[in-house]
Amino acid sequence: METKNLLDSPETRSGQAALSDNLPDETVMNKIYYIRSQKVMLDKDLANLYEVSTGRLNEQVKRNIKRFPSDFMFQLTENEFGSLISQIAISKRGGTRKLPLAFTEQGIAMAFWST
């Protein structure tokens, strides 16, 4: 599977049409969770929407960590992740090895629209 450079891809810099024109609203809405009094999207769901690996997304975030303050992105605690697993039936087997990152609306925009 080919991975895309999230911050340098001309497809992502050209505008939000890449996501919004191709996906039903329900698909996106079903991937938004309410955690720490914020609407967020998990790294795996965000990566799936943009057809990149979760590892690639997280790699780009780490390379540009100064662009992601805590109000843009945060890592879930074990308790938060455990609660999420029970609420939405995320499988523990074969699943994540690390606690997922949660991106706020600003964090999603920063991941895909900055240069």
N, C-alpha and C. Protein backbone atom coordinates (compact mmCIF):
# COMPACT_ATOMS: atom_id res chain seq x y z
N MET A 1 0.84 -1.19 0.00
CA MET A 1 0.00 0.00 0.00
C MET A 1 0.88 1.25 0.00
N GLU A 2 0.59 2.14 -0.88
CA GLU A 2 1.34 3.38 -0.97
C GLU A 2 0.89 4.31 0.14
N THR A 3 1.85 4.94 0.81
CA THR A 3 1.51 5.92 1.83
C THR A 3 1.73 7.31 1.28
N LYS A 4 0.99 8.25 1.82
CA LYS A 4 1.08 9.64 1.38
C LYS A 4 1.77 10.47 2.45
N ASN A 5 2.56 11.44 2.04
CA ASN A 5 3.13 12.38 2.96
C ASN A 5 2.03 13.38 3.30
N LEU A 6 1.56 13.33 4.51
CA LEU A 6 0.38 14.11 4.90
C LEU A 6 0.58 15.60 4.81
N LEU A 7 1.77 16.06 5.15
CA LEU A 7 1.97 17.50 5.20
C LEU A 7 2.39 18.09 3.87
N ASP A 8 2.88 17.26 2.96
CA ASP A 8 3.38 17.79 1.70
C ASP A 8 2.54 17.39 0.50
N SER A 9 1.52 16.58 0.69
CA SER A 9 0.74 16.07 -0.43
C SER A 9 -0.07 17.18 -1.09
N PRO A 10 0.05 17.35 -2.42
CA PRO A 10 -0.74 18.38 -3.10
C PRO A 10 -2.23 18.08 -3.03
N GLU A 11 -2.59 16.78 -2.90
CA GLU A 11 -4.01 16.44 -2.80
C GLU A 11 -4.63 17.02 -1.53
N THR A 12 -3.89 16.97 -0.42
CA THR A 12 -4.45 17.47 0.82
C THR A 12 -4.38 18.98 0.92
N ARG A 13 -3.38 19.59 0.27
CA ARG A 13 -3.29 21.04 0.34
C ARG A 13 -4.28 21.73 -0.58
N SER A 14 -4.87 21.00 -1.51
CA SER A 14 -5.75 21.63 -2.49
C SER A 14 -7.12 21.98 -1.90
N GLY A 15 -7.44 21.48 -0.74
CA GLY A 15 -8.70 21.85 -0.12
C GLY A 15 -9.39 20.68 0.53
N GLN A 16 -10.46 20.96 1.24
CA GLN A 16 -11.17 19.94 1.98
C GLN A 16 -12.01 19.04 1.11
N ALA A 17 -12.13 19.33 -0.15
CA ALA A 17 -12.95 18.51 -1.04
C ALA A 17 -12.49 17.06 -1.06
N ALA A 18 -11.21 16.84 -0.84
CA ALA A 18 -10.68 15.47 -0.87
C ALA A 18 -11.42 14.58 0.13
N LEU A 19 -11.81 15.10 1.25
CA LEU A 19 -12.54 14.31 2.24
C LEU A 19 -14.04 14.49 2.10
N SER A 20 -14.51 15.70 2.10
CA SER A 20 -15.95 15.94 2.21
C SER A 20 -16.75 15.52 1.00
N ASP A 21 -16.18 15.56 -0.20
CA ASP A 21 -16.94 15.19 -1.40
C ASP A 21 -17.08 13.69 -1.58
N ASN A 22 -16.21 12.92 -0.95
CA ASN A 22 -16.18 11.49 -1.21
C ASN A 22 -16.78 10.64 -0.10
N LEU A 23 -17.09 11.20 1.04
CA LEU A 23 -17.57 10.41 2.16
C LEU A 23 -18.94 10.90 2.63
N PRO A 24 -19.82 9.95 2.91
CA PRO A 24 -21.10 10.37 3.50
C PRO A 24 -20.87 10.97 4.88
N ASP A 25 -21.70 11.91 5.27
CA ASP A 25 -21.57 12.54 6.58
C ASP A 25 -21.60 11.52 7.71
N GLU A 26 -22.40 10.46 7.56
CA GLU A 26 -22.51 9.45 8.61
C GLU A 26 -21.18 8.77 8.87
N THR A 27 -20.40 8.56 7.82
CA THR A 27 -19.11 7.90 7.97
C THR A 27 -18.20 8.72 8.87
N VAL A 28 -18.16 10.00 8.64
CA VAL A 28 -17.33 10.88 9.45
C VAL A 28 -17.92 11.03 10.84
N MET A 29 -19.20 11.24 10.94
CA MET A 29 -19.85 11.46 12.24
C MET A 29 -19.69 10.25 13.17
N ASN A 30 -19.68 9.06 12.60
CA ASN A 30 -19.53 7.85 13.42
C ASN A 30 -18.12 7.67 13.95
N LYS A 31 -17.20 8.48 13.50
CA LYS A 31 -15.80 8.40 13.95
C LYS A 31 -15.45 9.51 14.93
N ILE A 32 -16.40 10.30 15.33
CA ILE A 32 -16.17 11.41 16.26
C ILE A 32 -16.64 10.98 17.65
N TYR A 33 -15.76 11.13 18.62
CA TYR A 33 -16.04 10.74 20.00
C TYR A 33 -15.95 11.96 20.89
N TYR A 34 -16.60 11.88 22.03
CA TYR A 34 -16.58 12.97 23.00
C TYR A 34 -15.70 12.54 24.17
N ILE A 35 -14.49 13.10 24.24
CA ILE A 35 -13.52 12.73 25.27
C ILE A 35 -12.95 14.02 25.85
N ARG A 36 -12.85 14.06 27.18
CA ARG A 36 -12.33 15.25 27.88
C ARG A 36 -13.09 16.51 27.47
N SER A 37 -14.38 16.37 27.35
CA SER A 37 -15.27 17.48 27.00
C SER A 37 -14.97 18.08 25.64
N GLN A 38 -14.41 17.28 24.75
CA GLN A 38 -14.09 17.74 23.40
C GLN A 38 -14.52 16.69 22.38
N LYS A 39 -14.90 17.15 21.21
CA LYS A 39 -15.14 16.25 20.10
C LYS A 39 -13.80 15.94 19.47
N VAL A 40 -13.49 14.65 19.34
CA VAL A 40 -12.20 14.24 18.79
C VAL A 40 -12.37 13.09 17.82
N MET A 41 -11.32 12.87 17.03
CA MET A 41 -11.24 11.72 16.15
C MET A 41 -9.95 10.99 16.49
N LEU A 42 -10.01 9.66 16.58
CA LEU A 42 -8.83 8.88 16.91
C LEU A 42 -7.90 8.78 15.71
N ASP A 43 -6.63 8.60 16.01
CA ASP A 43 -5.62 8.53 14.95
C ASP A 43 -5.92 7.46 13.91
N LYS A 44 -6.38 6.30 14.33
CA LYS A 44 -6.64 5.22 13.37
C LYS A 44 -7.79 5.57 12.43
N ASP A 45 -8.81 6.22 12.95
CA ASP A 45 -9.95 6.61 12.12
C ASP A 45 -9.57 7.73 11.15
N LEU A 46 -8.80 8.67 11.64
CA LEU A 46 -8.34 9.77 10.79
C LEU A 46 -7.45 9.24 9.67
N ALA A 47 -6.56 8.35 10.01
CA ALA A 47 -5.67 7.75 9.01
C ALA A 47 -6.49 6.97 7.97
N ASN A 48 -7.48 6.21 8.41
CA ASN A 48 -8.31 5.45 7.48
C ASN A 48 -9.07 6.36 6.53
N LEU A 49 -9.59 7.45 7.02
CA LEU A 49 -10.33 8.38 6.16
C LEU A 49 -9.46 8.94 5.05
N TYR A 50 -8.19 9.17 5.36
CA TYR A 50 -7.28 9.74 4.37
C TYR A 50 -6.40 8.70 3.70
N GLU A 51 -6.71 7.43 3.93
CA GLU A 51 -6.03 6.31 3.27
C GLU A 51 -4.52 6.32 3.46
N VAL A 52 -4.10 6.53 4.69
CA VAL A 52 -2.70 6.39 5.08
C VAL A 52 -2.67 5.47 6.29
N SER A 53 -1.51 4.93 6.60
CA SER A 53 -1.42 4.08 7.77
C SER A 53 -1.42 4.94 9.04
N THR A 54 -1.86 4.34 10.12
CA THR A 54 -1.84 5.05 11.41
C THR A 54 -0.41 5.40 11.77
N GLY A 55 0.50 4.49 11.50
CA GLY A 55 1.92 4.75 11.77
C GLY A 55 2.44 5.96 11.02
N ARG A 56 2.02 6.10 9.76
CA ARG A 56 2.45 7.25 8.95
C ARG A 56 1.90 8.55 9.52
N LEU A 57 0.64 8.54 9.91
CA LEU A 57 0.03 9.72 10.52
C LEU A 57 0.80 10.11 11.78
N ASN A 58 1.03 9.14 12.65
CA ASN A 58 1.72 9.42 13.90
C ASN A 58 3.16 9.85 13.68
N GLU A 59 3.80 9.30 12.66
CA GLU A 59 5.16 9.71 12.31
C GLU A 59 5.20 11.19 11.92
N GLN A 60 4.24 11.62 11.12
CA GLN A 60 4.19 13.02 10.70
C GLN A 60 3.92 13.94 11.89
N VAL A 61 3.08 13.50 12.80
CA VAL A 61 2.81 14.30 14.00
C VAL A 61 4.08 14.45 14.82
N LYS A 62 4.79 13.35 15.03
CA LYS A 62 6.03 13.42 15.82
C LYS A 62 7.06 14.34 15.17
N ARG A 63 7.15 14.32 13.85
CA ARG A 63 8.11 15.18 13.16
C ARG A 63 7.73 16.65 13.27
N ASN A 64 6.48 16.92 13.53
CA ASN A 64 5.98 18.31 13.59
C ASN A 64 5.27 18.57 14.91
N ILE A 65 5.79 18.01 15.99
CA ILE A 65 5.11 18.04 17.29
C ILE A 65 4.84 19.46 17.79
N LYS A 66 5.64 20.43 17.42
CA LYS A 66 5.42 21.81 17.88
C LYS A 66 4.12 22.38 17.33
N ARG A 67 3.61 21.80 16.26
CA ARG A 67 2.36 22.27 15.66
C ARG A 67 1.13 21.67 16.35
N PHE A 68 1.35 20.80 17.32
CA PHE A 68 0.24 20.07 17.95
C PHE A 68 0.22 20.26 19.46
N PRO A 69 -0.18 21.45 19.93
CA PRO A 69 -0.30 21.64 21.38
C PRO A 69 -1.44 20.77 21.93
N SER A 70 -1.54 20.71 23.23
CA SER A 70 -2.51 19.81 23.87
C SER A 70 -3.96 20.11 23.52
N ASP A 71 -4.27 21.32 23.08
CA ASP A 71 -5.65 21.60 22.66
C ASP A 71 -5.90 21.18 21.21
N PHE A 72 -4.88 20.69 20.52
CA PHE A 72 -5.02 20.16 19.16
C PHE A 72 -5.02 18.63 19.16
N MET A 73 -4.27 18.02 20.09
CA MET A 73 -4.10 16.58 20.10
C MET A 73 -3.64 16.14 21.48
N PHE A 74 -4.08 14.95 21.89
CA PHE A 74 -3.61 14.37 23.15
C PHE A 74 -3.67 12.86 23.05
N GLN A 75 -2.89 12.20 23.90
CA GLN A 75 -2.90 10.74 23.93
C GLN A 75 -3.89 10.30 24.99
N LEU A 76 -4.71 9.29 24.65
CA LEU A 76 -5.67 8.77 25.61
C LEU A 76 -4.97 8.09 26.76
N THR A 77 -5.58 8.14 27.93
CA THR A 77 -5.08 7.38 29.07
C THR A 77 -5.59 5.95 28.95
N GLU A 78 -5.04 5.06 29.75
CA GLU A 78 -5.51 3.67 29.73
C GLU A 78 -6.98 3.60 30.11
N ASN A 79 -7.40 4.39 31.09
CA ASN A 79 -8.82 4.39 31.50
C ASN A 79 -9.73 4.89 30.38
N GLU A 80 -9.32 5.96 29.71
CA GLU A 80 -10.12 6.49 28.59
C GLU A 80 -10.22 5.47 27.46
N PHE A 81 -9.11 4.83 27.15
CA PHE A 81 -9.12 3.85 26.07
C PHE A 81 -9.95 2.63 26.46
N GLY A 82 -9.83 2.19 27.71
CA GLY A 82 -10.65 1.07 28.18
C GLY A 82 -12.13 1.38 28.11
N SER A 83 -12.50 2.58 28.47
CA SER A 83 -13.90 2.99 28.39
C SER A 83 -14.37 3.03 26.94
N LEU A 84 -13.53 3.51 26.07
CA LEU A 84 -13.86 3.59 24.65
C LEU A 84 -14.02 2.18 24.06
N ILE A 85 -13.15 1.28 24.44
CA ILE A 85 -13.24 -0.10 23.96
C ILE A 85 -14.60 -0.69 24.33
N SER A 86 -15.02 -0.48 25.57
CA SER A 86 -16.30 -1.05 26.00
C SER A 86 -17.49 -0.36 25.33
N GLN A 87 -17.37 0.91 25.00
CA GLN A 87 -18.48 1.63 24.38
C GLN A 87 -18.65 1.32 22.90
N ILE A 88 -17.54 1.17 22.18
CA ILE A 88 -17.65 1.02 20.72
C ILE A 88 -17.11 -0.29 20.20
N ALA A 89 -16.83 -1.20 21.10
CA ALA A 89 -16.41 -2.56 20.74
C ALA A 89 -15.16 -2.59 19.87
N ILE A 90 -14.14 -1.86 20.29
CA ILE A 90 -12.83 -1.97 19.64
C ILE A 90 -12.19 -3.26 20.14
N SER A 91 -11.65 -4.02 19.23
CA SER A 91 -11.01 -5.28 19.60
C SER A 91 -9.68 -5.04 20.28
N LYS A 92 -9.41 -5.78 21.35
CA LYS A 92 -8.11 -5.71 22.00
C LYS A 92 -7.11 -6.60 21.26
N ARG A 93 -7.57 -7.68 20.67
CA ARG A 93 -6.69 -8.61 19.98
C ARG A 93 -6.29 -8.04 18.62
N GLY A 94 -5.03 -8.05 18.35
CA GLY A 94 -4.54 -7.56 17.07
C GLY A 94 -4.73 -6.08 16.89
N GLY A 95 -5.05 -5.41 17.94
CA GLY A 95 -5.32 -3.98 17.84
C GLY A 95 -4.10 -3.15 18.12
N THR A 96 -4.31 -2.02 18.72
CA THR A 96 -3.27 -1.05 18.94
C THR A 96 -2.26 -1.51 19.99
N ARG A 97 -0.99 -1.22 19.76
CA ARG A 97 0.05 -1.51 20.74
C ARG A 97 0.31 -0.30 21.63
N LYS A 98 -0.08 0.86 21.16
CA LYS A 98 0.11 2.09 21.91
C LYS A 98 -1.26 2.70 22.16
N LEU A 99 -1.33 3.53 23.18
CA LEU A 99 -2.57 4.26 23.41
C LEU A 99 -2.77 5.23 22.25
N PRO A 100 -3.99 5.31 21.72
CA PRO A 100 -4.22 6.15 20.54
C PRO A 100 -4.12 7.64 20.84
N LEU A 101 -3.85 8.38 19.78
CA LEU A 101 -3.89 9.83 19.83
C LEU A 101 -5.30 10.27 19.47
N ALA A 102 -5.76 11.33 20.10
CA ALA A 102 -7.06 11.91 19.80
C ALA A 102 -6.82 13.32 19.26
N PHE A 103 -7.42 13.61 18.11
CA PHE A 103 -7.23 14.90 17.46
C PHE A 103 -8.51 15.71 17.55
N THR A 104 -8.38 16.96 18.02
CA THR A 104 -9.50 17.88 18.02
C THR A 104 -9.66 18.43 16.60
N GLU A 105 -10.68 19.22 16.40
CA GLU A 105 -10.90 19.80 15.07
C GLU A 105 -9.67 20.58 14.59
N GLN A 106 -9.06 21.35 15.50
CA GLN A 106 -7.87 22.12 15.14
C GLN A 106 -6.70 21.19 14.81
N GLY A 107 -6.58 20.09 15.53
CA GLY A 107 -5.51 19.14 15.27
C GLY A 107 -5.67 18.44 13.94
N ILE A 108 -6.91 18.12 13.58
CA ILE A 108 -7.18 17.50 12.28
C ILE A 108 -6.77 18.46 11.16
N ALA A 109 -7.16 19.72 11.31
CA ALA A 109 -6.80 20.72 10.30
C ALA A 109 -5.28 20.89 10.21
N MET A 110 -4.61 20.91 11.34
CA MET A 110 -3.16 21.08 11.34
C MET A 110 -2.46 19.90 10.69
N ALA A 111 -2.96 18.70 10.91
CA ALA A 111 -2.33 17.51 10.33
C ALA A 111 -2.38 17.52 8.81
N PHE A 112 -3.43 18.07 8.24
CA PHE A 112 -3.63 17.93 6.81
C PHE A 112 -3.50 19.21 6.00
N TRP A 113 -3.56 20.34 6.61
CA TRP A 113 -3.56 21.57 5.80
C TRP A 113 -2.33 22.43 6.02
N SER A 114 -1.43 22.03 6.89
CA SER A 114 -0.24 22.85 7.07
C SER A 114 0.88 22.38 6.15
N THR A 115 1.84 23.24 5.96
CA THR A 115 2.94 22.89 5.07
C THR A 115 4.21 22.70 5.85
